[in-house]
Amino acid sequence: MNTSPLALLGFLLLSWGFLVSILFWVPRIVNRPQLRKIFGTRYPMIYFIYFSNGPFLVAIGLYLLLLK
C-alpha cells in the first residue's frame, strides 16, 4: 500500500471532491432556486465554485494517488 504523504493528500482531495459533488447534486441539500434568487445574474458562478471544489479536486486527488 502506498502510504506516502502525496497519496494521503490525494485520498483526502478525492474524498472531499466526491463529497462536494454528491452534496451539490442532491436536491434537498442545496436549494438551487433559493441560490438563484440570492445570486441573481451571478448565478453561473455557482457552477464555477462547484467545478473547482468537486470534479477538479477529484481529478487532482486521482492524479496524486496514481503518481508514484
N, C-alpha and C. Protein backbone atom coordinates (compact mmCIF):
# COMPACT_ATOMS: atom_id res chain seq x y z
N MET A 1 0.84 -1.19 0.00
CA MET A 1 0.00 0.00 0.00
C MET A 1 0.88 1.24 0.00
N ASN A 2 0.50 2.21 -0.79
CA ASN A 2 1.25 3.45 -0.90
C ASN A 2 0.82 4.40 0.21
N THR A 3 1.69 4.64 1.18
CA THR A 3 1.33 5.50 2.31
C THR A 3 2.17 6.77 2.33
N SER A 4 2.58 7.22 1.17
CA SER A 4 3.35 8.46 1.10
C SER A 4 2.44 9.64 1.41
N PRO A 5 3.02 10.78 1.79
CA PRO A 5 2.20 11.97 2.06
C PRO A 5 1.38 12.41 0.85
N LEU A 6 1.94 12.24 -0.36
CA LEU A 6 1.18 12.60 -1.55
C LEU A 6 -0.04 11.71 -1.74
N ALA A 7 0.12 10.43 -1.43
CA ALA A 7 -1.02 9.51 -1.54
C ALA A 7 -2.09 9.87 -0.53
N LEU A 8 -1.69 10.23 0.67
CA LEU A 8 -2.66 10.63 1.70
C LEU A 8 -3.39 11.91 1.28
N LEU A 9 -2.63 12.87 0.78
CA LEU A 9 -3.24 14.10 0.29
C LEU A 9 -4.18 13.81 -0.88
N GLY A 10 -3.77 12.93 -1.77
CA GLY A 10 -4.62 12.55 -2.89
C GLY A 10 -5.92 11.92 -2.43
N PHE A 11 -5.84 11.05 -1.43
CA PHE A 11 -7.05 10.42 -0.90
C PHE A 11 -7.97 11.45 -0.27
N LEU A 12 -7.40 12.40 0.48
CA LEU A 12 -8.22 13.43 1.11
C LEU A 12 -8.89 14.32 0.06
N LEU A 13 -8.15 14.71 -0.96
CA LEU A 13 -8.74 15.54 -2.03
C LEU A 13 -9.82 14.78 -2.79
N LEU A 14 -9.55 13.52 -3.06
CA LEU A 14 -10.52 12.68 -3.76
C LEU A 14 -11.81 12.56 -2.94
N SER A 15 -11.67 12.30 -1.65
CA SER A 15 -12.84 12.17 -0.77
C SER A 15 -13.62 13.47 -0.70
N TRP A 16 -12.91 14.59 -0.53
CA TRP A 16 -13.58 15.89 -0.43
C TRP A 16 -14.29 16.22 -1.75
N GLY A 17 -13.66 15.93 -2.86
CA GLY A 17 -14.28 16.21 -4.16
C GLY A 17 -15.55 15.40 -4.37
N PHE A 18 -15.52 14.12 -4.00
CA PHE A 18 -16.72 13.29 -4.12
C PHE A 18 -17.83 13.79 -3.19
N LEU A 19 -17.47 14.18 -1.98
CA LEU A 19 -18.46 14.68 -1.03
C LEU A 19 -19.12 15.96 -1.54
N VAL A 20 -18.32 16.88 -2.03
CA VAL A 20 -18.87 18.13 -2.57
C VAL A 20 -19.78 17.83 -3.76
N SER A 21 -19.36 16.91 -4.64
CA SER A 21 -20.17 16.58 -5.80
C SER A 21 -21.51 15.99 -5.40
N ILE A 22 -21.50 15.09 -4.46
CA ILE A 22 -22.74 14.46 -4.01
C ILE A 22 -23.64 15.49 -3.35
N LEU A 23 -23.08 16.32 -2.48
CA LEU A 23 -23.89 17.32 -1.79
C LEU A 23 -24.48 18.34 -2.76
N PHE A 24 -23.75 18.67 -3.80
CA PHE A 24 -24.25 19.67 -4.76
C PHE A 24 -25.42 19.12 -5.57
N TRP A 25 -25.40 17.86 -5.91
CA TRP A 25 -26.42 17.32 -6.80
C TRP A 25 -27.62 16.72 -6.09
N VAL A 26 -27.60 16.61 -4.76
CA VAL A 26 -28.77 16.14 -4.02
C VAL A 26 -29.69 17.34 -3.81
N PRO A 27 -30.90 17.30 -4.38
CA PRO A 27 -31.77 18.49 -4.39
C PRO A 27 -32.14 19.03 -3.01
N ARG A 28 -32.30 18.20 -2.04
CA ARG A 28 -32.75 18.68 -0.74
C ARG A 28 -31.64 19.36 0.06
N ILE A 29 -30.41 19.12 -0.29
CA ILE A 29 -29.31 19.72 0.46
C ILE A 29 -28.99 21.12 -0.05
N VAL A 30 -28.85 21.25 -1.36
CA VAL A 30 -28.59 22.56 -1.98
C VAL A 30 -29.86 23.01 -2.68
N ASN A 31 -30.43 24.09 -2.20
CA ASN A 31 -31.67 24.62 -2.76
C ASN A 31 -31.30 25.59 -3.89
N ARG A 32 -31.23 25.07 -5.11
CA ARG A 32 -30.79 25.89 -6.24
C ARG A 32 -31.74 27.05 -6.56
N PRO A 33 -33.08 26.87 -6.45
CA PRO A 33 -33.94 28.05 -6.70
C PRO A 33 -33.65 29.19 -5.71
N GLN A 34 -33.37 28.84 -4.46
CA GLN A 34 -33.04 29.88 -3.48
C GLN A 34 -31.71 30.54 -3.82
N LEU A 35 -30.74 29.73 -4.27
CA LEU A 35 -29.45 30.29 -4.68
C LEU A 35 -29.62 31.21 -5.89
N ARG A 36 -30.51 30.84 -6.79
CA ARG A 36 -30.76 31.67 -7.97
C ARG A 36 -31.32 33.03 -7.55
N LYS A 37 -32.21 33.05 -6.55
CA LYS A 37 -32.75 34.31 -6.05
C LYS A 37 -31.67 35.15 -5.38
N ILE A 38 -30.81 34.51 -4.61
CA ILE A 38 -29.77 35.23 -3.88
C ILE A 38 -28.73 35.81 -4.84
N PHE A 39 -28.24 35.00 -5.77
CA PHE A 39 -27.16 35.43 -6.65
C PHE A 39 -27.63 36.21 -7.87
N GLY A 40 -28.85 36.03 -8.28
CA GLY A 40 -29.37 36.76 -9.43
C GLY A 40 -28.58 36.47 -10.70
N THR A 41 -28.03 37.52 -11.31
CA THR A 41 -27.30 37.34 -12.56
C THR A 41 -25.94 36.67 -12.35
N ARG A 42 -25.47 36.60 -11.12
CA ARG A 42 -24.19 35.94 -10.84
C ARG A 42 -24.37 34.45 -10.56
N TYR A 43 -25.55 33.91 -10.80
CA TYR A 43 -25.83 32.50 -10.51
C TYR A 43 -24.88 31.53 -11.21
N PRO A 44 -24.45 31.77 -12.46
CA PRO A 44 -23.50 30.83 -13.09
C PRO A 44 -22.19 30.66 -12.30
N MET A 45 -21.88 31.61 -11.43
CA MET A 45 -20.69 31.49 -10.60
C MET A 45 -20.77 30.26 -9.69
N ILE A 46 -21.98 29.84 -9.35
CA ILE A 46 -22.18 28.65 -8.51
C ILE A 46 -21.57 27.44 -9.20
N TYR A 47 -21.74 27.33 -10.52
CA TYR A 47 -21.19 26.19 -11.23
C TYR A 47 -19.67 26.23 -11.26
N PHE A 48 -19.08 27.41 -11.33
CA PHE A 48 -17.62 27.53 -11.26
C PHE A 48 -17.13 27.08 -9.88
N ILE A 49 -17.81 27.52 -8.83
CA ILE A 49 -17.43 27.12 -7.47
C ILE A 49 -17.58 25.62 -7.31
N TYR A 50 -18.68 25.06 -7.83
CA TYR A 50 -18.87 23.61 -7.75
C TYR A 50 -17.76 22.88 -8.49
N PHE A 51 -17.45 23.31 -9.71
CA PHE A 51 -16.44 22.62 -10.51
C PHE A 51 -15.07 22.67 -9.84
N SER A 52 -14.74 23.82 -9.27
CA SER A 52 -13.42 23.94 -8.65
C SER A 52 -13.33 23.17 -7.34
N ASN A 53 -14.45 22.87 -6.72
CA ASN A 53 -14.43 22.13 -5.46
C ASN A 53 -14.96 20.71 -5.57
N GLY A 54 -15.42 20.30 -6.71
CA GLY A 54 -15.94 18.96 -6.89
C GLY A 54 -15.07 18.14 -7.81
N PRO A 55 -15.40 18.12 -9.09
CA PRO A 55 -14.67 17.29 -10.04
C PRO A 55 -13.18 17.64 -10.15
N PHE A 56 -12.84 18.91 -9.98
CA PHE A 56 -11.44 19.30 -10.09
C PHE A 56 -10.62 18.69 -8.95
N LEU A 57 -11.18 18.68 -7.74
CA LEU A 57 -10.49 18.04 -6.62
C LEU A 57 -10.40 16.54 -6.80
N VAL A 58 -11.42 15.94 -7.38
CA VAL A 58 -11.37 14.50 -7.67
C VAL A 58 -10.23 14.22 -8.65
N ALA A 59 -10.12 15.03 -9.68
CA ALA A 59 -9.06 14.83 -10.67
C ALA A 59 -7.67 14.99 -10.05
N ILE A 60 -7.50 16.02 -9.24
CA ILE A 60 -6.20 16.21 -8.58
C ILE A 60 -5.90 15.06 -7.63
N GLY A 61 -6.91 14.63 -6.89
CA GLY A 61 -6.73 13.51 -5.96
C GLY A 61 -6.34 12.23 -6.68
N LEU A 62 -7.00 11.94 -7.79
CA LEU A 62 -6.66 10.75 -8.57
C LEU A 62 -5.24 10.85 -9.11
N TYR A 63 -4.87 12.02 -9.58
CA TYR A 63 -3.51 12.22 -10.10
C TYR A 63 -2.48 11.95 -9.00
N LEU A 64 -2.72 12.48 -7.81
CA LEU A 64 -1.78 12.26 -6.72
C LEU A 64 -1.74 10.81 -6.28
N LEU A 65 -2.87 10.13 -6.31
CA LEU A 65 -2.88 8.71 -5.95
C LEU A 65 -2.14 7.85 -6.97
N LEU A 66 -2.27 8.22 -8.23
CA LEU A 66 -1.63 7.43 -9.28
C LEU A 66 -0.17 7.80 -9.48
N LEU A 67 0.23 8.95 -8.94
CA LEU A 67 1.61 9.40 -9.03
C LEU A 67 2.47 8.53 -8.12
N LYS A 68 3.50 7.93 -8.67
CA LYS A 68 4.33 7.06 -7.84
C LYS A 68 5.76 7.48 -7.87
